[in-house]
Amino acid sequence: MSWYEERILPHMINFACSASPNQKQRQKIVPEAEGEILEIGFGSGLNVPFYDRSKVRKIWALEPSAGMRRKAQPAVDETDMDIEFIDLPGEQIPLDDNSVDTILMTYTLCTITDTKTALEGMRRVLRPGGRLLFCEHGRAPDENVRRWQNRLNPAWSKIAGGCNMNRDIPALINEGGFAIKVDERMYIPGAKVLCYNYWGSAAAN
């Protein structure tokens, strides 16, 4: 990764993702995670305060960016939860089949290059009866907003670490072998091209 990606981008992403509307979204979904948890795109550890500690046995924190792992370390050090980093991309999950109870993704699917492979890997490691919990931004329902998303996305992706503002999140989850069970959607406060949110849960097909 470049110096920009390791030293500057983690601070930019942390600033954007820690905005109050995003934190309120995390509050809706993170406390539902339970058992052995695989968090895809652990980032700077913004989800740590929202876990229900009484439900958590272990968190596998998948985060390929060394800069993000450094930024997350204080949050990991301050909690009594068992958190172990995995420093590989989301497409490469070095865990056994049927080994986790919950998979958590918050504002992560927008950046994964090969979403189908990544989601198939998540399905592989998820135990029968386990849940995929997600909270993502993506493709807006309004045609005018979608046009702007499509216009801005190429430039935005280059400066925002591969983030895509126009992905059809439910379609990607379905293509990865999951069936969405809870599907919530709305604009949260902020620029509409970046603030249409999807959140809910899914089960492996």
C-alpha atoms as a PDB file:
ATOM      1  CA  MET A   1       0.000   0.000   0.000  1.00  0.00           C
ATOM      2  CA  SER A   2       1.118   3.584  -0.632  1.00  0.00           C
ATOM      3  CA  TRP A   3       2.158   6.117   2.016  1.00  0.00           C
ATOM      4  CA  TYR A   4      -1.145   7.930   1.430  1.00  0.00           C
ATOM      5  CA  GLU A   5      -3.152   4.733   1.983  1.00  0.00           C
ATOM      6  CA  GLU A   6      -1.266   3.838   5.162  1.00  0.00           C
ATOM      7  CA  ARG A   7      -0.723   7.244   6.786  1.00  0.00           C
ATOM      8  CA  ILE A   8      -3.372   9.680   5.544  1.00  0.00           C
ATOM      9  CA  LEU A   9      -6.354   7.622   4.418  1.00  0.00           C
ATOM     10  CA  PRO A  10      -6.966   5.862   7.782  1.00  0.00           C
ATOM     11  CA  HIS A  11      -7.469   9.252   9.462  1.00  0.00           C
ATOM     12  CA  MET A  12      -9.809  10.447   6.694  1.00  0.00           C
ATOM     13  CA  ILE A  13     -11.895   7.276   6.833  1.00  0.00           C
ATOM     14  CA  ASN A  14     -12.058   7.327  10.611  1.00  0.00           C
ATOM     15  CA  PHE A  15     -13.243  10.948  10.558  1.00  0.00           C
ATOM     16  CA  ALA A  16     -15.961  10.213   7.984  1.00  0.00           C
ATOM     17  CA  CYS A  17     -17.154   6.957   9.531  1.00  0.00           C
ATOM     18  CA  SER A  18     -17.284   8.323  13.072  1.00  0.00           C
ATOM     19  CA  ALA A  19     -19.837  10.993  12.206  1.00  0.00           C
ATOM     20  CA  SER A  20     -22.860  11.000  14.505  1.00  0.00           C
ATOM     21  CA  PRO A  21     -25.365   9.622  11.931  1.00  0.00           C
ATOM     22  CA  ASN A  22     -23.052   6.688  11.193  1.00  0.00           C
ATOM     23  CA  GLN A  23     -22.577   5.993  14.873  1.00  0.00           C
ATOM     24  CA  LYS A  24     -26.344   5.906  15.343  1.00  0.00           C
ATOM     25  CA  GLN A  25     -26.535   3.324  12.569  1.00  0.00           C
ATOM     26  CA  ARG A  26     -23.908   1.184  14.292  1.00  0.00           C
ATOM     27  CA  GLN A  27     -25.990   1.277  17.467  1.00  0.00           C
ATOM     28  CA  LYS A  28     -28.827  -0.386  15.583  1.00  0.00           C
ATOM     29  CA  ILE A  29     -26.894  -3.418  14.382  1.00  0.00           C
ATOM     30  CA  VAL A  30     -23.677  -4.082  16.335  1.00  0.00           C
ATOM     31  CA  PRO A  31     -25.332  -5.087  19.645  1.00  0.00           C
ATOM     32  CA  GLU A  32     -27.020  -7.992  17.844  1.00  0.00           C
ATOM     33  CA  ALA A  33     -23.674  -9.723  17.215  1.00  0.00           C
ATOM     34  CA  GLU A  34     -23.086 -12.747  19.430  1.00  0.00           C
ATOM     35  CA  GLY A  35     -20.830 -15.731  20.048  1.00  0.00           C
ATOM     36  CA  GLU A  36     -17.678 -15.951  17.969  1.00  0.00           C
ATOM     37  CA  ILE A  37     -17.792 -12.955  15.643  1.00  0.00           C
ATOM     38  CA  LEU A  38     -15.969 -12.188  12.427  1.00  0.00           C
ATOM     39  CA  GLU A  39     -15.941  -8.447  11.779  1.00  0.00           C
ATOM     40  CA  ILE A  40     -15.114  -7.731   8.146  1.00  0.00           C
ATOM     41  CA  GLY A  41     -13.292  -4.404   7.809  1.00  0.00           C
ATOM     42  CA  PHE A  42     -12.580  -3.730  11.479  1.00  0.00           C
ATOM     43  CA  GLY A  43     -11.170  -0.337  10.549  1.00  0.00           C
ATOM     44  CA  SER A  44     -10.250   1.886  13.481  1.00  0.00           C
ATOM     45  CA  GLY A  45     -12.413  -0.077  15.919  1.00  0.00           C
ATOM     46  CA  LEU A  46     -15.458   2.185  15.800  1.00  0.00           C
ATOM     47  CA  ASN A  47     -17.793  -0.742  16.509  1.00  0.00           C
ATOM     48  CA  VAL A  48     -16.053  -1.794  19.725  1.00  0.00           C
ATOM     49  CA  PRO A  49     -18.139   0.394  22.089  1.00  0.00           C
ATOM     50  CA  PHE A  50     -21.401  -0.932  20.643  1.00  0.00           C
ATOM     51  CA  TYR A  51     -20.883  -4.655  21.176  1.00  0.00           C
ATOM     52  CA  ASP A  52     -22.977  -6.271  23.896  1.00  0.00           C
ATOM     53  CA  ARG A  53     -20.108  -7.740  25.902  1.00  0.00           C
ATOM     54  CA  SER A  54     -22.389 -10.280  27.582  1.00  0.00           C
ATOM     55  CA  LYS A  55     -22.971 -11.910  24.158  1.00  0.00           C
ATOM     56  CA  VAL A  56     -19.399 -11.870  22.842  1.00  0.00           C
ATOM     57  CA  ARG A  57     -16.966 -14.787  23.192  1.00  0.00           C
ATOM     58  CA  LYS A  58     -14.396 -13.666  20.630  1.00  0.00           C
ATOM     59  CA  ILE A  59     -14.032 -11.165  17.805  1.00  0.00           C
ATOM     60  CA  TRP A  60     -11.922 -11.927  14.765  1.00  0.00           C
ATOM     61  CA  ALA A  61     -11.036  -8.461  13.455  1.00  0.00           C
ATOM     62  CA  LEU A  62     -10.292  -8.706   9.738  1.00  0.00           C
ATOM     63  CA  GLU A  63      -8.478  -5.560   8.621  1.00  0.00           C
ATOM     64  CA  PRO A  64      -5.897  -5.564   5.785  1.00  0.00           C
ATOM     65  CA  SER A  65      -4.626  -2.015   6.400  1.00  0.00           C
ATOM     66  CA  ALA A  66      -1.702  -1.727   8.810  1.00  0.00           C
ATOM     67  CA  GLY A  67      -2.563   1.941   9.255  1.00  0.00           C
ATOM     68  CA  MET A  68      -6.088   1.081  10.319  1.00  0.00           C
ATOM     69  CA  ARG A  69      -4.870  -1.641  12.692  1.00  0.00           C
ATOM     70  CA  ARG A  70      -2.550   0.873  14.358  1.00  0.00           C
ATOM     71  CA  LYS A  71      -5.421   3.314  14.714  1.00  0.00           C
ATOM     72  CA  ALA A  72      -7.651   0.557  16.180  1.00  0.00           C
ATOM     73  CA  GLN A  73      -5.108  -0.677  18.738  1.00  0.00           C
ATOM     74  CA  PRO A  74      -6.095   1.750  21.541  1.00  0.00           C
ATOM     75  CA  ALA A  75      -9.750   0.651  21.292  1.00  0.00           C
ATOM     76  CA  VAL A  76      -8.649  -2.994  21.411  1.00  0.00           C
ATOM     77  CA  ASP A  77      -6.344  -2.371  24.389  1.00  0.00           C
ATOM     78  CA  GLU A  78      -9.071  -0.612  26.367  1.00  0.00           C
ATOM     79  CA  THR A  79     -11.678  -3.377  26.100  1.00  0.00           C
ATOM     80  CA  ASP A  80     -11.831  -6.646  27.992  1.00  0.00           C
ATOM     81  CA  MET A  81     -13.248  -8.458  24.957  1.00  0.00           C
ATOM     82  CA  ASP A  82     -11.071 -11.046  23.209  1.00  0.00           C
ATOM     83  CA  ILE A  83     -10.184  -9.397  19.886  1.00  0.00           C
ATOM     84  CA  GLU A  84      -7.680 -10.910  17.451  1.00  0.00           C
ATOM     85  CA  PHE A  85      -6.593  -9.200  14.240  1.00  0.00           C
ATOM     86  CA  ILE A  86      -6.586 -10.885  10.841  1.00  0.00           C
ATOM     87  CA  ASP A  87      -4.472  -8.820   8.444  1.00  0.00           C
ATOM     88  CA  LEU A  88      -5.789 -10.159   5.147  1.00  0.00           C
ATOM     89  CA  PRO A  89      -8.255  -8.739   2.597  1.00  0.00           C
ATOM     90  CA  GLY A  90     -11.942  -9.599   2.880  1.00  0.00           C
ATOM     91  CA  GLU A  91     -11.577 -12.049  -0.008  1.00  0.00           C
ATOM     92  CA  GLN A  92      -9.179 -14.159   2.096  1.00  0.00           C
ATOM     93  CA  ILE A  93     -10.592 -15.455   5.384  1.00  0.00           C
ATOM     94  CA  PRO A  94      -8.153 -17.832   7.176  1.00  0.00           C
ATOM     95  CA  LEU A  95     -10.779 -19.440   9.417  1.00  0.00           C
ATOM     96  CA  ASP A  96     -12.222 -22.944   9.398  1.00  0.00           C
ATOM     97  CA  ASP A  97     -15.535 -23.823   7.800  1.00  0.00           C
ATOM     98  CA  ASN A  98     -18.554 -23.311  10.092  1.00  0.00           C
ATOM     99  CA  SER A  99     -16.412 -21.600  12.743  1.00  0.00           C
ATOM    100  CA  VAL A 100     -18.199 -18.305  13.564  1.00  0.00           C
ATOM    101  CA  ASP A 101     -21.664 -17.474  14.858  1.00  0.00           C
ATOM    102  CA  THR A 102     -21.961 -13.922  13.504  1.00  0.00           C
ATOM    103  CA  ILE A 103     -20.407 -11.968  10.672  1.00  0.00           C
ATOM    104  CA  LEU A 104     -20.530  -8.191  10.981  1.00  0.00           C
ATOM    105  CA  MET A 105     -20.001  -5.696   8.158  1.00  0.00           C
ATOM    106  CA  THR A 106     -20.381  -1.962   8.705  1.00  0.00           C
ATOM    107  CA  TYR A 107     -19.457   0.391   5.858  1.00  0.00           C
ATOM    108  CA  THR A 108     -17.180  -2.261   4.368  1.00  0.00           C
ATOM    109  CA  LEU A 109     -18.807  -3.833   1.312  1.00  0.00           C
ATOM    110  CA  CYS A 110     -18.293  -0.601  -0.607  1.00  0.00           C
ATOM    111  CA  THR A 111     -14.517  -1.141  -0.647  1.00  0.00           C
ATOM    112  CA  ILE A 112     -14.106  -4.882  -1.282  1.00  0.00           C
ATOM    113  CA  THR A 113     -12.910  -5.510  -4.824  1.00  0.00           C
ATOM    114  CA  ASP A 114     -14.258  -9.031  -5.345  1.00  0.00           C
ATOM    115  CA  THR A 115     -17.472  -8.931  -3.340  1.00  0.00           C
ATOM    116  CA  LYS A 116     -18.781 -12.291  -4.566  1.00  0.00           C
ATOM    117  CA  THR A 117     -15.646 -14.161  -3.493  1.00  0.00           C
ATOM    118  CA  ALA A 118     -15.588 -12.342  -0.163  1.00  0.00           C
ATOM    119  CA  LEU A 119     -19.228 -13.123   0.608  1.00  0.00           C
ATOM    120  CA  GLU A 120     -18.812 -16.744  -0.428  1.00  0.00           C
ATOM    121  CA  GLY A 121     -15.925 -16.913   2.049  1.00  0.00           C
ATOM    122  CA  MET A 122     -18.138 -15.434   4.748  1.00  0.00           C
ATOM    123  CA  ARG A 123     -20.799 -18.020   4.000  1.00  0.00           C
ATOM    124  CA  ARG A 124     -18.171 -20.774   4.274  1.00  0.00           C
ATOM    125  CA  VAL A 125     -17.060 -19.799   7.778  1.00  0.00           C
ATOM    126  CA  LEU A 126     -20.554 -19.040   9.121  1.00  0.00           C
ATOM    127  CA  ARG A 127     -22.061 -21.799  11.246  1.00  0.00           C
ATOM    128  CA  PRO A 128     -25.499 -23.198  10.337  1.00  0.00           C
ATOM    129  CA  GLY A 129     -28.060 -20.872  11.855  1.00  0.00           C
ATOM    130  CA  GLY A 130     -25.560 -18.006  12.066  1.00  0.00           C
ATOM    131  CA  ARG A 131     -26.272 -14.491  10.838  1.00  0.00           C
ATOM    132  CA  LEU A 132     -24.640 -11.917   8.628  1.00  0.00           C
ATOM    133  CA  LEU A 133     -25.300  -8.471  10.112  1.00  0.00           C
ATOM    134  CA  PHE A 134     -24.738  -5.526   7.812  1.00  0.00           C
ATOM    135  CA  CYS A 135     -24.930  -1.748   7.727  1.00  0.00           C
ATOM    136  CA  GLU A 136     -23.740  -0.234   4.449  1.00  0.00           C
ATOM    137  CA  HIS A 137     -24.145   2.824   2.260  1.00  0.00           C
ATOM    138  CA  GLY A 138     -24.885   2.407  -1.419  1.00  0.00           C
ATOM    139  CA  ARG A 139     -27.115   2.866  -4.432  1.00  0.00           C
ATOM    140  CA  ALA A 140     -29.817   5.460  -3.817  1.00  0.00           C
ATOM    141  CA  PRO A 141     -33.470   4.904  -4.810  1.00  0.00           C
ATOM    142  CA  ASP A 142     -33.842   8.312  -6.472  1.00  0.00           C
ATOM    143  CA  GLU A 143     -32.833   8.535 -10.107  1.00  0.00           C
ATOM    144  CA  ASN A 144     -31.297  11.998  -9.806  1.00  0.00           C
ATOM    145  CA  VAL A 145     -29.124  10.940  -6.859  1.00  0.00           C
ATOM    146  CA  ARG A 146     -28.088   7.757  -8.674  1.00  0.00           C
ATOM    147  CA  ARG A 147     -26.965   9.809 -11.679  1.00  0.00           C
ATOM    148  CA  TRP A 148     -24.690  11.860  -9.456  1.00  0.00           C
ATOM    149  CA  GLN A 149     -23.412   8.736  -7.730  1.00  0.00           C
ATOM    150  CA  ASN A 150     -22.443   7.260 -11.089  1.00  0.00           C
ATOM    151  CA  ARG A 151     -20.791  10.503 -12.229  1.00  0.00           C
ATOM    152  CA  LEU A 152     -18.789  11.019  -9.055  1.00  0.00           C
ATOM    153  CA  ASN A 153     -17.899   7.438  -8.236  1.00  0.00           C
ATOM    154  CA  PRO A 154     -14.735   7.035 -10.388  1.00  0.00           C
ATOM    155  CA  ALA A 155     -13.024  10.057  -8.823  1.00  0.00           C
ATOM    156  CA  TRP A 156     -14.412   9.341  -5.343  1.00  0.00           C
ATOM    157  CA  SER A 157     -13.131   5.764  -5.401  1.00  0.00           C
ATOM    158  CA  LYS A 158      -9.592   6.942  -6.175  1.00  0.00           C
ATOM    159  CA  ILE A 159      -9.366   9.312  -3.224  1.00  0.00           C
ATOM    160  CA  ALA A 160     -11.437   7.264  -0.744  1.00  0.00           C
ATOM    161  CA  GLY A 161      -9.518   4.000  -0.637  1.00  0.00           C
ATOM    162  CA  GLY A 162     -11.626   2.175  -3.200  1.00  0.00           C
ATOM    163  CA  CYS A 163     -14.962   3.142  -1.654  1.00  0.00           C
ATOM    164  CA  ASN A 164     -17.848   2.918  -4.128  1.00  0.00           C
ATOM    165  CA  MET A 165     -20.891   5.080  -3.490  1.00  0.00           C
ATOM    166  CA  ASN A 166     -23.237   3.364  -5.976  1.00  0.00           C
ATOM    167  CA  ARG A 167     -23.229  -0.340  -5.125  1.00  0.00           C
ATOM    168  CA  ASP A 168     -26.507  -2.275  -4.929  1.00  0.00           C
ATOM    169  CA  ILE A 169     -25.902  -3.744  -1.488  1.00  0.00           C
ATOM    170  CA  PRO A 170     -28.845  -6.204  -1.299  1.00  0.00           C
ATOM    171  CA  ALA A 171     -28.043  -7.555  -4.763  1.00  0.00           C
ATOM    172  CA  LEU A 172     -24.401  -8.144  -3.813  1.00  0.00           C
ATOM    173  CA  ILE A 173     -25.386  -9.952  -0.616  1.00  0.00           C
ATOM    174  CA  ASN A 174     -27.790 -12.168  -2.529  1.00  0.00           C
ATOM    175  CA  GLU A 175     -25.186 -12.915  -5.211  1.00  0.00           C
ATOM    176  CA  GLY A 176     -22.799 -14.012  -2.466  1.00  0.00           C
ATOM    177  CA  GLY A 177     -25.127 -16.794  -1.389  1.00  0.00           C
ATOM    178  CA  PHE A 178     -27.133 -15.128   1.358  1.00  0.00           C
ATOM    179  CA  ALA A 179     -30.852 -14.508   1.788  1.00  0.00           C
ATOM    180  CA  ILE A 180     -31.702 -11.193   3.433  1.00  0.00           C
ATOM    181  CA  LYS A 181     -34.089 -11.613   6.364  1.00  0.00           C
ATOM    182  CA  VAL A 182     -34.230  -8.051   7.703  1.00  0.00           C
ATOM    183  CA  ASP A 183     -33.975  -5.221   5.167  1.00  0.00           C
ATOM    184  CA  GLU A 184     -34.057  -1.612   6.389  1.00  0.00           C
ATOM    185  CA  ARG A 185     -33.245   1.404   4.204  1.00  0.00           C
ATOM    186  CA  MET A 186     -33.177   5.189   4.465  1.00  0.00           C
ATOM    187  CA  TYR A 187     -31.143   8.325   3.875  1.00  0.00           C
ATOM    188  CA  ILE A 188     -29.191   9.354   6.939  1.00  0.00           C
ATOM    189  CA  PRO A 189     -28.113  12.998   7.427  1.00  0.00           C
ATOM    190  CA  GLY A 190     -25.362  14.097   5.059  1.00  0.00           C
ATOM    191  CA  ALA A 191     -24.648  14.263   1.340  1.00  0.00           C
ATOM    192  CA  LYS A 192     -27.280  12.096  -0.357  1.00  0.00           C
ATOM    193  CA  VAL A 193     -24.773  10.489  -2.745  1.00  0.00           C
ATOM    194  CA  LEU A 194     -23.005   8.955   0.279  1.00  0.00           C
ATOM    195  CA  CYS A 195     -25.810   8.611   2.785  1.00  0.00           C
ATOM    196  CA  TYR A 196     -28.361   6.117   1.545  1.00  0.00           C
ATOM    197  CA  ASN A 197     -28.034   3.304   4.097  1.00  0.00           C
ATOM    198  CA  TYR A 198     -29.002  -0.349   4.059  1.00  0.00           C
ATOM    199  CA  TRP A 199     -28.957  -2.387   7.256  1.00  0.00           C
ATOM    200  CA  GLY A 200     -30.298  -5.675   8.522  1.00  0.00           C
ATOM    201  CA  SER A 201     -29.434  -9.350   8.661  1.00  0.00           C
ATOM    202  CA  ALA A 202     -29.039 -12.266   6.283  1.00  0.00           C
ATOM    203  CA  ALA A 203     -28.698 -16.043   6.464  1.00  0.00           C
ATOM    204  CA  ALA A 204     -26.726 -18.386   4.247  1.00  0.00           C
ATOM    205  CA  ASN A 205     -28.746 -20.054   1.491  1.00  0.00           C
END
